[in-house]
Protein backbone atom coordinates (compact mmCIF):
# COMPACT_ATOMS: atom_id res chain seq x y z
CA MET A 1 -102.69 295.66 44.59
CA GLU A 2 -100.28 295.72 41.77
CA LYS A 3 -96.58 296.79 41.71
CA PHE A 4 -95.95 299.96 39.37
CA GLN A 5 -94.25 298.86 36.07
CA ASN A 6 -93.69 301.24 33.22
CA ASN A 7 -95.91 304.02 34.07
CA GLU A 8 -99.13 301.73 34.54
CA ILE A 9 -101.40 301.35 37.01
CA VAL A 10 -99.96 301.03 40.12
CA TYR A 11 -102.57 300.70 43.13
CA ASN A 12 -106.08 299.54 43.55
CA PRO A 13 -107.28 299.26 47.44
CA ASP A 14 -110.16 297.10 48.24
CA GLY A 15 -111.60 296.65 45.09
CA ILE A 16 -111.99 300.46 44.44
CA GLN A 17 -112.60 300.36 40.50
CA PHE A 18 -111.12 302.89 37.91
CA ASP A 19 -113.94 304.77 35.40
CA GLY A 20 -111.77 307.62 33.94
CA GLU A 21 -111.49 310.19 36.38
CA ASN A 22 -114.63 309.28 38.73
CA VAL A 23 -113.08 306.34 40.89
CA TYR A 24 -116.15 305.31 43.46
CA ASN A 25 -116.76 302.31 45.39
CA ASP A 26 -120.08 301.31 47.61
CA GLU A 27 -118.29 302.50 50.62
CA TYR A 28 -117.42 305.67 49.49
CA ASN A 29 -120.84 306.79 48.18
CA LYS A 30 -122.69 305.38 51.32
CA ALA A 31 -120.03 307.88 53.36
CA LEU A 32 -121.06 310.49 50.97
CA LYS A 33 -124.21 310.41 51.38
CA GLU A 34 -123.81 310.26 55.30
CA LYS A 35 -121.71 313.16 55.01
CA GLN A 36 -124.56 314.94 53.51
CA GLN A 37 -127.53 314.19 55.86
CA VAL A 38 -125.02 315.34 58.50
CA TRP A 39 -124.61 318.45 56.52
CA LYS A 40 -128.34 319.08 56.42
CA LYS A 41 -128.52 318.18 60.18
CA TYR A 42 -126.46 320.85 61.19
CA ILE A 43 -127.67 323.32 58.56
CA SER A 44 -131.18 322.87 59.64
CA LYS A 45 -130.06 323.46 63.27
CA ALA A 46 -128.23 326.81 61.86
CA LYS A 47 -131.58 327.60 60.04
CA LYS A 48 -133.19 327.28 63.44
CA GLY A 49 -131.46 329.99 65.30
CA ILE A 50 -128.33 328.31 66.59
CA PRO A 51 -125.36 330.33 65.52
CA PHE A 52 -123.54 328.92 62.21
CA GLU A 53 -120.49 329.22 63.89
CA GLU A 54 -121.62 326.53 66.48
CA ALA A 55 -123.20 324.63 63.94
CA TRP A 56 -120.20 324.65 61.42
CA GLU A 57 -117.74 323.63 64.61
CA THR A 58 -120.02 320.70 65.44
CA TYR A 59 -120.70 319.73 61.80
CA ILE A 60 -116.40 319.61 61.11
CA ASN A 61 -116.30 317.62 64.59
CA ASP A 62 -118.59 314.98 63.36
CA PRO A 63 -116.56 311.61 63.15
CA ILE A 64 -118.43 310.95 59.55
CA HIS A 65 -115.30 313.28 58.76
CA GLU A 66 -112.51 310.84 59.51
CA LYS A 67 -114.18 307.73 58.01
CA PHE A 68 -114.81 310.09 55.01
CA LYS A 69 -110.73 311.22 54.85
CA VAL A 70 -109.42 308.21 55.08
CA LEU A 71 -111.95 306.89 51.81
CA GLU A 72 -111.23 310.20 49.95
CA ARG A 73 -107.48 309.44 50.74
CA GLN A 74 -107.84 305.55 49.08
CA HIS A 75 -109.15 307.54 45.62
CA TYR A 76 -106.36 310.07 45.48
CA ASN A 77 -103.83 307.19 45.20
CA VAL A 78 -105.73 305.52 42.37
CA LYS A 79 -104.55 306.91 38.85
CA MET A 80 -102.45 306.44 35.96
CA VAL A 81 -98.97 307.26 36.98
CA GLU A 82 -97.13 309.81 35.37
CA PHE A 83 -93.17 310.10 35.61
CA THR A 84 -91.20 313.56 35.26
CA ASP A 85 -87.58 314.46 35.99
CA ILE A 86 -87.14 315.72 39.53
CA PRO A 87 -87.04 319.42 40.13
CA ASN A 88 -83.79 320.64 41.46
CA GLU A 89 -85.05 322.11 44.81
CA ALA A 90 -86.61 318.82 45.36
CA THR A 91 -85.73 316.55 48.47
CA VAL A 92 -85.65 313.05 47.91
CA TYR A 93 -86.40 311.04 50.24
CA THR A 94 -86.57 306.51 50.99
CA PHE A 95 -90.10 305.87 51.56
CA ALA A 96 -88.67 304.44 55.10
CA LYS A 97 -87.21 307.89 55.81
CA PHE A 98 -90.43 309.77 54.70
CA CYS A 99 -92.18 307.52 56.66
CA LYS A 100 -90.16 308.16 59.99
CA LEU A 101 -90.13 311.66 59.47
CA ALA A 102 -94.15 311.76 58.76
CA LYS A 103 -94.16 309.60 62.19
CA SER A 104 -91.99 311.57 64.34
CA LYS A 105 -93.65 315.01 63.31
CA ILE A 106 -90.68 316.53 61.43
CA LEU A 107 -92.37 316.34 58.65
CA LEU A 108 -96.14 318.49 58.24
CA ASP A 109 -98.54 318.72 55.66
CA THR A 110 -97.64 323.02 55.74
CA ASP A 111 -94.51 322.29 54.79
CA GLY A 112 -94.64 321.35 51.68
CA ILE A 113 -95.75 318.61 49.21
CA GLY A 114 -94.74 315.03 48.41
CA TYR A 115 -94.69 312.99 45.25
CA TYR A 116 -94.48 309.36 45.21
CA GLY A 117 -90.93 308.17 43.06
CA THR A 118 -87.98 306.28 42.90
CA ASP A 119 -84.78 307.58 43.16
CA GLN A 120 -84.40 308.94 39.85
CA LYS A 121 -88.16 310.31 38.94
CA MET A 122 -90.92 311.81 40.34
CA SER A 123 -94.80 310.70 39.75
CA ASN A 124 -97.78 312.64 39.93
CA ILE A 125 -98.98 310.82 42.53
CA VAL A 126 -99.25 312.99 46.08
CA VAL A 127 -98.56 311.70 49.37
CA LEU A 128 -98.13 313.67 52.57
CA PRO A 129 -97.15 313.23 55.68
CA THR A 130 -100.75 312.53 57.37
CA ASP A 131 -101.22 309.94 54.58
CA VAL A 132 -98.93 308.05 57.01
CA ILE A 133 -100.27 308.55 60.00
CA TYR A 134 -103.72 307.26 58.50
CA ASP A 135 -101.87 304.33 56.94
CA GLN A 136 -103.18 305.35 53.85
CA VAL A 137 -99.60 305.50 51.85
CA ASN A 138 -99.04 303.42 48.72
CA ASN A 139 -95.98 301.69 49.65
CA ASN A 140 -95.18 300.23 46.06
CA PHE A 141 -92.90 303.11 46.06
CA THR A 142 -89.41 303.34 47.21
CA HIS A 143 -88.75 307.08 47.36
CA VAL A 144 -90.93 310.44 48.44
CA ILE A 145 -89.69 313.59 46.16
CA TRP A 146 -90.16 315.99 49.02
CA ILE A 147 -90.67 319.74 47.86
CA PHE A 148 -90.96 322.57 50.38
CA LYS A 149 -92.96 325.27 50.64
């Protein structure tokens, strides 16, 4: 795992490779196929007379979604970093403070959006409180810039 330096690559978790905008690995592809198979299974149940709402509810509660969510979060964290000025309406938290607020559920995903950054610049990489809960954070940054809705 690499630390960021001057807008360079920041994060490459567990062998996920850069390929332009497409970031995939075998585990991700396998989970995606599994998710698609699960979807087909539940849709076929809906076609056999089970109410669609019931099939959908069962589908979204399938364990594959948690597995896929974790892998998706890893993919979102892999990108080239670009820094911009911090907007006036933003709140700047230290990384540790943001994690504490997220774990205590004082900050929620529905409250706004966060971006990794420094005490003076904001990156283009999104971080949400649930990323902390799922332990899918990029701790190479010192701060989180939070913009409330």
